N, C-alpha and C. Protein backbone atom coordinates (compact mmCIF):
# COMPACT_ATOMS: atom_id res chain seq x y z
N MET A 1 0.84 -1.16 0.00
CA MET A 1 0.00 0.00 0.00
C MET A 1 0.90 1.24 0.00
N PRO A 2 0.71 2.15 -0.95
CA PRO A 2 1.55 3.35 -0.99
C PRO A 2 1.22 4.31 0.15
N LEU A 3 2.11 5.27 0.34
CA LEU A 3 1.85 6.32 1.34
C LEU A 3 0.65 7.16 0.91
N ALA A 4 0.02 7.79 1.88
CA ALA A 4 -1.07 8.70 1.59
C ALA A 4 -0.53 9.90 0.81
N PRO A 5 -1.36 10.56 0.01
CA PRO A 5 -0.88 11.77 -0.70
C PRO A 5 -0.35 12.79 0.31
N PRO A 6 0.77 13.46 -0.04
CA PRO A 6 1.36 14.42 0.90
C PRO A 6 0.62 15.76 0.87
N ALA A 7 0.87 16.56 1.89
CA ALA A 7 0.39 17.94 1.94
C ALA A 7 1.18 18.75 0.91
N ASP A 8 0.70 19.94 0.58
CA ASP A 8 1.49 20.84 -0.27
C ASP A 8 2.84 21.07 0.40
N ARG A 9 3.90 21.02 -0.40
CA ARG A 9 5.23 21.13 0.19
C ARG A 9 6.24 21.57 -0.86
N ALA A 10 7.40 22.00 -0.40
CA ALA A 10 8.50 22.42 -1.27
C ALA A 10 9.70 21.52 -1.00
N PRO A 11 10.37 21.04 -2.04
CA PRO A 11 11.53 20.15 -1.83
C PRO A 11 12.71 20.91 -1.24
N LEU A 12 13.29 20.38 -0.18
CA LEU A 12 14.46 21.00 0.45
C LEU A 12 15.69 20.10 0.43
N HIS A 13 15.49 18.80 0.52
CA HIS A 13 16.63 17.88 0.61
C HIS A 13 16.28 16.58 -0.10
N HIS A 14 17.23 16.07 -0.88
CA HIS A 14 17.04 14.76 -1.52
C HIS A 14 18.33 13.98 -1.35
N ARG A 15 18.20 12.78 -0.81
CA ARG A 15 19.35 11.87 -0.67
C ARG A 15 19.04 10.62 -1.45
N SER A 16 19.96 10.24 -2.28
CA SER A 16 19.86 9.00 -3.03
C SER A 16 21.03 8.11 -2.61
N ILE A 17 20.70 6.89 -2.18
CA ILE A 17 21.73 5.91 -1.82
C ILE A 17 21.46 4.66 -2.64
N GLU A 18 22.49 4.18 -3.29
CA GLU A 18 22.34 3.01 -4.15
C GLU A 18 23.41 1.98 -3.78
N PHE A 19 23.01 0.72 -3.75
CA PHE A 19 23.92 -0.38 -3.44
C PHE A 19 23.93 -1.37 -4.61
N HIS A 20 25.10 -1.93 -4.87
CA HIS A 20 25.24 -2.99 -5.87
C HIS A 20 26.21 -4.03 -5.34
N GLY A 21 25.89 -5.30 -5.57
CA GLY A 21 26.78 -6.39 -5.17
C GLY A 21 27.18 -7.20 -6.39
N TYR A 22 28.46 -7.59 -6.44
CA TYR A 22 29.01 -8.31 -7.59
C TYR A 22 29.85 -9.49 -7.14
N GLN A 23 29.80 -10.56 -7.92
CA GLN A 23 30.73 -11.69 -7.75
C GLN A 23 31.91 -11.41 -8.67
N ARG A 24 33.09 -11.46 -8.15
CA ARG A 24 34.29 -11.22 -8.95
C ARG A 24 34.83 -12.53 -9.50
N ALA A 25 35.60 -12.45 -10.56
CA ALA A 25 36.20 -13.63 -11.18
C ALA A 25 37.17 -14.33 -10.24
N ASP A 26 37.76 -13.59 -9.29
CA ASP A 26 38.72 -14.18 -8.36
C ASP A 26 38.07 -14.79 -7.13
N GLY A 27 36.72 -14.84 -7.10
CA GLY A 27 36.01 -15.46 -5.97
C GLY A 27 35.59 -14.48 -4.89
N LEU A 28 36.14 -13.28 -4.90
CA LEU A 28 35.71 -12.27 -3.94
C LEU A 28 34.41 -11.63 -4.41
N PHE A 29 33.86 -10.79 -3.56
CA PHE A 29 32.64 -10.06 -3.88
C PHE A 29 32.92 -8.57 -3.72
N ASP A 30 32.45 -7.77 -4.65
CA ASP A 30 32.51 -6.32 -4.54
C ASP A 30 31.14 -5.82 -4.11
N ILE A 31 31.15 -4.97 -3.11
CA ILE A 31 29.94 -4.29 -2.66
C ILE A 31 30.18 -2.80 -2.89
N GLU A 32 29.30 -2.17 -3.65
CA GLU A 32 29.47 -0.76 -3.95
C GLU A 32 28.28 0.04 -3.45
N CYS A 33 28.58 1.24 -2.98
CA CYS A 33 27.54 2.15 -2.51
C CYS A 33 27.85 3.54 -3.02
N THR A 34 26.83 4.23 -3.50
CA THR A 34 26.96 5.64 -3.86
C THR A 34 25.91 6.44 -3.10
N LEU A 35 26.27 7.63 -2.72
CA LEU A 35 25.38 8.53 -2.00
C LEU A 35 25.46 9.89 -2.69
N VAL A 36 24.30 10.46 -2.98
CA VAL A 36 24.23 11.80 -3.55
C VAL A 36 23.18 12.59 -2.77
N ASP A 37 23.58 13.74 -2.25
CA ASP A 37 22.67 14.68 -1.58
C ASP A 37 22.54 15.92 -2.44
N THR A 38 21.31 16.37 -2.66
CA THR A 38 21.06 17.65 -3.31
C THR A 38 20.06 18.42 -2.46
N LYS A 39 20.03 19.71 -2.68
CA LYS A 39 19.10 20.58 -1.96
C LYS A 39 18.15 21.24 -2.95
N GLY A 40 16.99 21.58 -2.48
CA GLY A 40 16.00 22.26 -3.31
C GLY A 40 16.16 23.77 -3.31
N VAL A 41 17.08 24.26 -2.49
CA VAL A 41 17.35 25.69 -2.40
C VAL A 41 18.86 25.89 -2.33
N ASP A 42 19.33 27.09 -2.64
CA ASP A 42 20.75 27.40 -2.48
C ASP A 42 21.12 27.31 -1.00
N VAL A 43 22.30 26.77 -0.71
CA VAL A 43 22.74 26.62 0.68
C VAL A 43 24.12 27.26 0.85
N PRO A 44 24.20 28.34 1.63
CA PRO A 44 25.51 28.93 1.95
C PRO A 44 26.24 28.00 2.92
N LEU A 45 27.50 27.73 2.65
CA LEU A 45 28.28 26.84 3.50
C LEU A 45 28.97 27.62 4.61
N LEU A 46 28.76 27.20 5.82
CA LEU A 46 29.31 27.89 6.99
C LEU A 46 30.83 28.04 6.86
N GLY A 47 31.31 29.25 7.10
CA GLY A 47 32.74 29.51 7.18
C GLY A 47 33.50 29.46 5.87
N THR A 48 32.81 29.36 4.73
CA THR A 48 33.55 29.20 3.48
C THR A 48 33.30 30.31 2.47
N GLY A 49 32.19 30.98 2.55
CA GLY A 49 31.82 31.95 1.53
C GLY A 49 31.28 31.29 0.26
N ARG A 50 31.26 29.97 0.23
CA ARG A 50 30.73 29.23 -0.91
C ARG A 50 29.24 28.98 -0.74
N VAL A 51 28.57 28.75 -1.88
CA VAL A 51 27.15 28.42 -1.89
C VAL A 51 26.97 27.20 -2.78
N VAL A 52 26.29 26.19 -2.27
CA VAL A 52 25.90 25.05 -3.09
C VAL A 52 24.55 25.41 -3.69
N ARG A 53 24.51 25.45 -5.00
CA ARG A 53 23.29 25.85 -5.71
C ARG A 53 22.25 24.73 -5.66
N ALA A 54 20.99 25.11 -5.64
CA ALA A 54 19.88 24.15 -5.66
C ALA A 54 20.08 23.18 -6.82
N GLY A 55 19.98 21.90 -6.53
CA GLY A 55 20.12 20.86 -7.55
C GLY A 55 21.54 20.35 -7.73
N ASP A 56 22.54 21.13 -7.30
CA ASP A 56 23.93 20.66 -7.37
C ASP A 56 24.20 19.73 -6.19
N PRO A 57 25.08 18.76 -6.36
CA PRO A 57 25.33 17.85 -5.24
C PRO A 57 26.07 18.52 -4.08
N MET A 58 25.52 18.36 -2.91
CA MET A 58 26.20 18.76 -1.67
C MET A 58 27.21 17.67 -1.33
N HIS A 59 26.79 16.43 -1.53
CA HIS A 59 27.64 15.25 -1.35
C HIS A 59 27.49 14.35 -2.57
N ARG A 60 28.60 13.82 -3.05
CA ARG A 60 28.59 12.73 -4.02
C ARG A 60 29.77 11.85 -3.63
N MET A 61 29.44 10.68 -3.08
CA MET A 61 30.44 9.81 -2.49
C MET A 61 30.23 8.38 -2.97
N ALA A 62 31.31 7.63 -3.00
CA ALA A 62 31.23 6.23 -3.40
C ALA A 62 32.21 5.40 -2.58
N ILE A 63 31.79 4.18 -2.28
CA ILE A 63 32.66 3.21 -1.60
C ILE A 63 32.57 1.90 -2.36
N ARG A 64 33.71 1.25 -2.56
CA ARG A 64 33.75 -0.12 -3.06
C ARG A 64 34.51 -0.95 -2.02
N MET A 65 33.85 -2.00 -1.55
CA MET A 65 34.41 -2.87 -0.52
C MET A 65 34.51 -4.28 -1.08
N GLN A 66 35.65 -4.92 -0.89
CA GLN A 66 35.82 -6.31 -1.30
C GLN A 66 35.69 -7.20 -0.07
N VAL A 67 34.87 -8.25 -0.19
CA VAL A 67 34.67 -9.19 0.91
C VAL A 67 34.83 -10.61 0.40
N THR A 68 35.19 -11.49 1.33
CA THR A 68 35.29 -12.92 1.04
C THR A 68 33.92 -13.57 1.18
N ALA A 69 33.85 -14.84 0.85
CA ALA A 69 32.60 -15.59 1.05
C ALA A 69 32.23 -15.69 2.53
N GLY A 70 33.19 -15.50 3.41
CA GLY A 70 32.94 -15.47 4.85
C GLY A 70 32.64 -14.08 5.37
N LEU A 71 32.46 -13.13 4.45
CA LEU A 71 32.15 -11.73 4.76
C LEU A 71 33.25 -11.02 5.54
N GLU A 72 34.49 -11.37 5.27
CA GLU A 72 35.62 -10.62 5.81
C GLU A 72 35.98 -9.53 4.81
N VAL A 73 36.15 -8.32 5.32
CA VAL A 73 36.53 -7.20 4.47
C VAL A 73 38.03 -7.33 4.17
N VAL A 74 38.36 -7.45 2.88
CA VAL A 74 39.76 -7.61 2.50
C VAL A 74 40.29 -6.42 1.70
N GLY A 75 39.42 -5.50 1.34
CA GLY A 75 39.85 -4.30 0.63
C GLY A 75 38.74 -3.28 0.62
N ILE A 76 39.12 -2.00 0.53
CA ILE A 76 38.11 -0.94 0.49
C ILE A 76 38.73 0.29 -0.16
N GLU A 77 37.93 0.98 -0.93
CA GLU A 77 38.34 2.27 -1.48
C GLU A 77 37.12 3.17 -1.49
N ALA A 78 37.39 4.47 -1.44
CA ALA A 78 36.30 5.44 -1.39
C ALA A 78 36.70 6.69 -2.15
N ALA A 79 35.68 7.40 -2.62
CA ALA A 79 35.88 8.69 -3.27
C ALA A 79 34.80 9.64 -2.80
N SER A 80 35.21 10.87 -2.53
CA SER A 80 34.26 11.93 -2.17
C SER A 80 34.44 13.03 -3.20
N ASP A 81 33.64 12.96 -4.25
CA ASP A 81 33.79 13.87 -5.39
C ASP A 81 33.09 15.20 -5.18
N ALA A 82 32.07 15.25 -4.37
CA ALA A 82 31.41 16.51 -4.03
C ALA A 82 31.21 16.51 -2.52
N THR A 83 31.74 17.52 -1.88
CA THR A 83 31.63 17.65 -0.42
C THR A 83 31.50 19.14 -0.09
N PRO A 84 30.94 19.44 1.06
CA PRO A 84 30.79 20.85 1.40
C PRO A 84 32.11 21.52 1.81
N TYR A 85 33.06 20.77 2.33
CA TYR A 85 34.29 21.36 2.85
C TYR A 85 35.51 20.70 2.23
N ASP A 86 36.56 21.48 2.05
CA ASP A 86 37.77 20.99 1.39
C ASP A 86 38.41 19.81 2.12
N ALA A 87 38.29 19.74 3.43
CA ALA A 87 38.92 18.67 4.20
C ALA A 87 38.19 17.34 4.08
N CYS A 88 36.92 17.37 3.68
CA CYS A 88 36.10 16.16 3.68
C CYS A 88 36.71 14.97 2.92
N PRO A 89 37.24 15.15 1.72
CA PRO A 89 37.78 13.99 1.00
C PRO A 89 38.92 13.27 1.72
N GLU A 90 39.61 13.97 2.62
CA GLU A 90 40.69 13.33 3.38
C GLU A 90 40.18 12.18 4.25
N ALA A 91 38.90 12.22 4.61
CA ALA A 91 38.33 11.20 5.49
C ALA A 91 38.22 9.84 4.84
N THR A 92 38.34 9.76 3.52
CA THR A 92 38.23 8.45 2.86
C THR A 92 39.30 7.48 3.37
N ALA A 93 40.47 7.99 3.74
CA ALA A 93 41.56 7.13 4.21
C ALA A 93 41.18 6.39 5.49
N SER A 94 40.28 6.97 6.30
CA SER A 94 39.91 6.33 7.57
C SER A 94 39.19 5.01 7.36
N LEU A 95 38.62 4.78 6.18
CA LEU A 95 37.90 3.53 5.94
C LEU A 95 38.82 2.31 5.96
N GLN A 96 40.10 2.50 5.79
CA GLN A 96 41.03 1.37 5.84
C GLN A 96 40.99 0.66 7.18
N SER A 97 40.48 1.32 8.20
CA SER A 97 40.42 0.72 9.54
C SER A 97 39.44 -0.44 9.63
N VAL A 98 38.59 -0.65 8.62
CA VAL A 98 37.66 -1.77 8.67
C VAL A 98 38.20 -3.01 7.93
N VAL A 99 39.31 -2.86 7.23
CA VAL A 99 39.90 -4.02 6.55
C VAL A 99 40.29 -5.04 7.62
N GLY A 100 39.87 -6.27 7.41
CA GLY A 100 40.12 -7.34 8.36
C GLY A 100 38.92 -7.66 9.24
N LEU A 101 37.94 -6.77 9.30
CA LEU A 101 36.73 -7.05 10.08
C LEU A 101 35.83 -8.02 9.32
N LYS A 102 35.01 -8.75 10.07
CA LYS A 102 33.98 -9.60 9.47
C LYS A 102 32.63 -8.93 9.66
N ILE A 103 31.81 -9.05 8.64
CA ILE A 103 30.46 -8.50 8.71
C ILE A 103 29.59 -9.55 9.39
N VAL A 104 29.43 -9.36 10.68
CA VAL A 104 28.67 -10.27 11.55
C VAL A 104 27.87 -9.42 12.53
N ALA A 105 27.14 -10.06 13.42
CA ALA A 105 26.42 -9.31 14.46
C ALA A 105 27.42 -8.38 15.15
N GLY A 106 27.04 -7.13 15.32
CA GLY A 106 27.94 -6.15 15.92
C GLY A 106 28.68 -5.29 14.90
N TRP A 107 28.44 -5.54 13.59
CA TRP A 107 29.10 -4.77 12.53
C TRP A 107 28.91 -3.26 12.74
N THR A 108 27.70 -2.84 13.00
CA THR A 108 27.42 -1.42 13.15
C THR A 108 28.28 -0.80 14.25
N GLU A 109 28.34 -1.46 15.39
CA GLU A 109 29.14 -0.92 16.50
C GLU A 109 30.63 -0.93 16.18
N MET A 110 31.11 -1.98 15.49
CA MET A 110 32.53 -2.01 15.13
C MET A 110 32.88 -0.85 14.21
N VAL A 111 32.01 -0.59 13.22
CA VAL A 111 32.24 0.51 12.29
C VAL A 111 32.20 1.85 13.03
N LYS A 112 31.22 2.04 13.88
CA LYS A 112 31.10 3.31 14.61
C LYS A 112 32.29 3.55 15.54
N ARG A 113 32.82 2.49 16.15
CA ARG A 113 34.00 2.64 17.02
C ARG A 113 35.20 3.13 16.22
N ARG A 114 35.34 2.62 15.01
CA ARG A 114 36.50 2.99 14.19
C ARG A 114 36.36 4.32 13.46
N LEU A 115 35.12 4.68 13.11
CA LEU A 115 34.92 5.84 12.24
C LEU A 115 34.08 6.96 12.84
N GLY A 116 33.55 6.76 14.04
CA GLY A 116 32.65 7.74 14.63
C GLY A 116 33.34 9.02 15.05
N GLY A 117 32.56 10.07 15.14
CA GLY A 117 33.07 11.35 15.58
C GLY A 117 34.12 11.90 14.63
N ALA A 118 35.15 12.50 15.17
CA ALA A 118 36.18 13.14 14.37
C ALA A 118 37.12 12.16 13.68
N LYS A 119 36.95 10.84 13.92
CA LYS A 119 37.81 9.85 13.29
C LYS A 119 37.48 9.63 11.82
N GLY A 120 36.28 9.99 11.41
CA GLY A 120 35.89 9.73 10.03
C GLY A 120 34.75 10.64 9.60
N CYS A 121 34.24 10.36 8.43
CA CYS A 121 33.13 11.13 7.85
C CYS A 121 31.81 10.44 8.21
N THR A 122 30.89 11.21 8.73
CA THR A 122 29.58 10.68 9.12
C THR A 122 28.90 9.97 7.95
N HIS A 123 28.94 10.59 6.77
CA HIS A 123 28.25 10.03 5.61
C HIS A 123 28.89 8.72 5.15
N LEU A 124 30.22 8.69 5.09
CA LEU A 124 30.91 7.45 4.71
C LEU A 124 30.63 6.35 5.74
N MET A 125 30.61 6.72 7.02
CA MET A 125 30.33 5.74 8.06
C MET A 125 28.92 5.17 7.90
N GLU A 126 27.94 6.05 7.66
CA GLU A 126 26.56 5.57 7.47
C GLU A 126 26.46 4.65 6.26
N MET A 127 27.16 4.99 5.20
CA MET A 127 27.16 4.14 4.02
C MET A 127 27.73 2.77 4.35
N LEU A 128 28.86 2.77 5.04
CA LEU A 128 29.54 1.53 5.36
C LEU A 128 28.70 0.62 6.26
N VAL A 129 27.99 1.22 7.21
CA VAL A 129 27.11 0.43 8.08
C VAL A 129 26.08 -0.30 7.22
N ALA A 130 25.42 0.43 6.32
CA ALA A 130 24.40 -0.18 5.47
C ALA A 130 25.00 -1.16 4.46
N MET A 131 26.25 -0.98 4.11
CA MET A 131 26.90 -1.90 3.18
C MET A 131 27.03 -3.30 3.78
N GLY A 132 27.03 -3.39 5.10
CA GLY A 132 27.05 -4.71 5.74
C GLY A 132 25.84 -5.54 5.32
N THR A 133 24.67 -4.92 5.33
CA THR A 133 23.45 -5.61 4.90
C THR A 133 23.52 -5.95 3.42
N ALA A 134 24.01 -5.01 2.61
CA ALA A 134 24.13 -5.28 1.17
C ALA A 134 25.10 -6.42 0.91
N ALA A 135 26.18 -6.50 1.69
CA ALA A 135 27.13 -7.60 1.53
C ALA A 135 26.47 -8.93 1.87
N TYR A 136 25.76 -8.95 2.98
CA TYR A 136 25.05 -10.18 3.37
C TYR A 136 24.07 -10.59 2.27
N GLN A 137 23.29 -9.63 1.75
CA GLN A 137 22.30 -9.92 0.72
C GLN A 137 22.95 -10.36 -0.60
N THR A 138 24.19 -9.97 -0.83
CA THR A 138 24.91 -10.37 -2.03
C THR A 138 25.50 -11.76 -1.88
N VAL A 139 26.18 -12.00 -0.78
CA VAL A 139 26.99 -13.21 -0.61
C VAL A 139 26.17 -14.42 -0.17
N VAL A 140 25.37 -14.28 0.88
CA VAL A 140 24.72 -15.45 1.49
C VAL A 140 23.77 -16.17 0.53
N PRO A 141 22.95 -15.49 -0.27
CA PRO A 141 22.12 -16.23 -1.23
C PRO A 141 22.96 -17.05 -2.24
N GLN A 142 24.13 -16.53 -2.60
CA GLN A 142 25.01 -17.28 -3.50
C GLN A 142 25.51 -18.55 -2.82
N LEU A 143 25.87 -18.43 -1.56
CA LEU A 143 26.33 -19.60 -0.81
C LEU A 143 25.20 -20.62 -0.66
N ARG A 144 24.00 -20.14 -0.34
CA ARG A 144 22.86 -21.05 -0.19
C ARG A 144 22.56 -21.76 -1.50
N ALA A 145 22.64 -21.05 -2.61
CA ALA A 145 22.36 -21.65 -3.93
C ALA A 145 23.36 -22.76 -4.23
N ARG A 146 24.58 -22.62 -3.72
CA ARG A 146 25.62 -23.64 -3.94
C ARG A 146 25.58 -24.72 -2.86
N GLY A 147 24.72 -24.55 -1.85
CA GLY A 147 24.68 -25.50 -0.74
C GLY A 147 25.92 -25.43 0.13
N ASP A 148 26.51 -24.25 0.20
CA ASP A 148 27.80 -24.05 0.88
C ASP A 148 27.67 -22.96 1.94
N VAL A 149 26.73 -23.12 2.87
CA VAL A 149 26.48 -22.07 3.85
C VAL A 149 27.28 -22.36 5.13
N PRO A 150 28.22 -21.48 5.48
CA PRO A 150 28.95 -21.66 6.74
C PRO A 150 28.00 -21.59 7.93
N ALA A 151 28.39 -22.18 9.02
CA ALA A 151 27.54 -22.24 10.22
C ALA A 151 27.10 -20.85 10.68
N GLU A 152 27.97 -19.85 10.54
CA GLU A 152 27.59 -18.52 11.02
C GLU A 152 26.47 -17.88 10.21
N PHE A 153 26.14 -18.46 9.04
CA PHE A 153 25.05 -17.94 8.22
C PHE A 153 23.85 -18.89 8.19
N ALA A 154 23.83 -19.88 9.06
CA ALA A 154 22.70 -20.81 9.11
C ALA A 154 21.42 -20.06 9.43
N ILE A 155 20.33 -20.53 8.88
CA ILE A 155 19.04 -19.85 9.04
C ILE A 155 18.66 -19.72 10.52
N GLU A 156 19.09 -20.64 11.34
CA GLU A 156 18.79 -20.56 12.78
C GLU A 156 19.36 -19.29 13.41
N LYS A 157 20.44 -18.79 12.85
CA LYS A 157 21.06 -17.57 13.36
C LYS A 157 20.18 -16.35 13.11
N LYS A 158 19.22 -16.47 12.18
CA LYS A 158 18.32 -15.36 11.87
C LYS A 158 17.15 -15.27 12.85
N ALA A 159 16.94 -16.30 13.65
CA ALA A 159 15.79 -16.32 14.56
C ALA A 159 15.73 -15.06 15.42
N ASN A 160 14.57 -14.43 15.39
CA ASN A 160 14.26 -13.24 16.19
C ASN A 160 15.12 -12.01 15.86
N THR A 161 15.69 -11.97 14.65
CA THR A 161 16.46 -10.79 14.24
C THR A 161 15.59 -9.75 13.55
N CYS A 162 14.37 -10.11 13.20
CA CYS A 162 13.42 -9.15 12.62
C CYS A 162 12.01 -9.72 12.78
N TYR A 163 11.04 -8.95 12.37
CA TYR A 163 9.64 -9.32 12.52
C TYR A 163 9.34 -10.65 11.83
N ALA A 164 9.73 -10.79 10.57
CA ALA A 164 9.42 -12.01 9.81
C ALA A 164 10.13 -13.24 10.38
N TYR A 165 11.34 -13.03 10.92
CA TYR A 165 12.11 -14.16 11.45
C TYR A 165 11.80 -14.48 12.91
N SER A 166 10.74 -13.90 13.45
CA SER A 166 10.34 -14.23 14.82
C SER A 166 10.02 -15.73 14.88
N THR A 167 10.47 -16.37 15.94
CA THR A 167 10.19 -17.80 16.11
C THR A 167 8.70 -18.05 16.32
N GLU A 168 7.94 -17.00 16.59
CA GLU A 168 6.50 -17.11 16.78
C GLU A 168 5.71 -16.96 15.47
N ARG A 169 6.39 -16.65 14.37
CA ARG A 169 5.70 -16.41 13.10
C ARG A 169 5.84 -17.61 12.17
N PRO A 170 4.96 -17.69 11.19
CA PRO A 170 4.89 -18.86 10.31
C PRO A 170 6.18 -19.20 9.58
N LEU A 171 6.96 -18.21 9.14
CA LEU A 171 8.17 -18.52 8.38
C LEU A 171 9.13 -19.38 9.19
N MET A 172 9.47 -18.96 10.38
CA MET A 172 10.43 -19.73 11.19
C MET A 172 9.83 -21.05 11.66
N GLN A 173 8.54 -21.08 11.94
CA GLN A 173 7.91 -22.34 12.31
C GLN A 173 7.97 -23.32 11.15
N SER A 174 7.74 -22.85 9.95
CA SER A 174 7.81 -23.69 8.76
C SER A 174 9.24 -24.19 8.53
N LEU A 175 10.21 -23.31 8.68
CA LEU A 175 11.61 -23.71 8.49
C LEU A 175 12.03 -24.73 9.55
N ARG A 176 11.57 -24.53 10.77
CA ARG A 176 11.90 -25.48 11.85
C ARG A 176 11.29 -26.85 11.53
N LEU A 177 10.04 -26.88 11.04
CA LEU A 177 9.39 -28.13 10.67
C LEU A 177 10.12 -28.80 9.51
N GLN A 178 10.53 -28.04 8.52
CA GLN A 178 11.28 -28.60 7.38
C GLN A 178 12.58 -29.23 7.86
N ARG A 179 13.27 -28.58 8.79
CA ARG A 179 14.54 -29.13 9.32
C ARG A 179 14.30 -30.44 10.05
N ARG A 180 13.20 -30.50 10.82
CA ARG A 180 12.89 -31.75 11.53
C ARG A 180 12.61 -32.87 10.53
N CYS A 181 11.87 -32.56 9.47
CA CYS A 181 11.54 -33.57 8.46
C CYS A 181 12.80 -34.08 7.77
N VAL A 182 13.73 -33.18 7.46
CA VAL A 182 14.98 -33.57 6.82
C VAL A 182 15.78 -34.44 7.77
N ALA A 183 15.81 -34.09 9.05
CA ALA A 183 16.57 -34.86 10.04
C ALA A 183 16.01 -36.27 10.20
N LEU A 184 14.70 -36.46 9.99
CA LEU A 184 14.09 -37.77 10.12
C LEU A 184 14.38 -38.69 8.95
N ASP A 185 14.74 -38.11 7.79
CA ASP A 185 15.00 -38.93 6.59
C ASP A 185 16.25 -39.77 6.72
């Protein structure tokens, strides 16, 4: 069901975030994210004398992260092509601090510890947090299709992680019943 029609309004801010996941020829997976912010009005930038014109990007950023089938981050690169302040692109280097981490429960907190506050860029950090979900959605279905799901990605690990995966709802009850039937064979 779509949202109700909105009240009369004027556009002030638009953020577009896009994710793409790829299987690489070398067996790794690339997860890419782009973020573009535009404004519906001219915005004077504090302390700079510059103005971002309506419709021009306030932010245009991209991250490409390489992960293994076990969701370990083995490489990352970022670009900040449009930013409000000259120092902002320097923050891309801080993303190297996530190389070696695994995308598992606690990913968000691990990323925030490494990149939060003055250690990194808020926008790049937010992108990277959401890239964990995109990585999972890219890699795990491929593993399941091959029948090669590591224990840390077993469906039982999803129990009670969201509304649909509640152990009280039909999906998990059905999966539990299917597992019992397979075990009896």
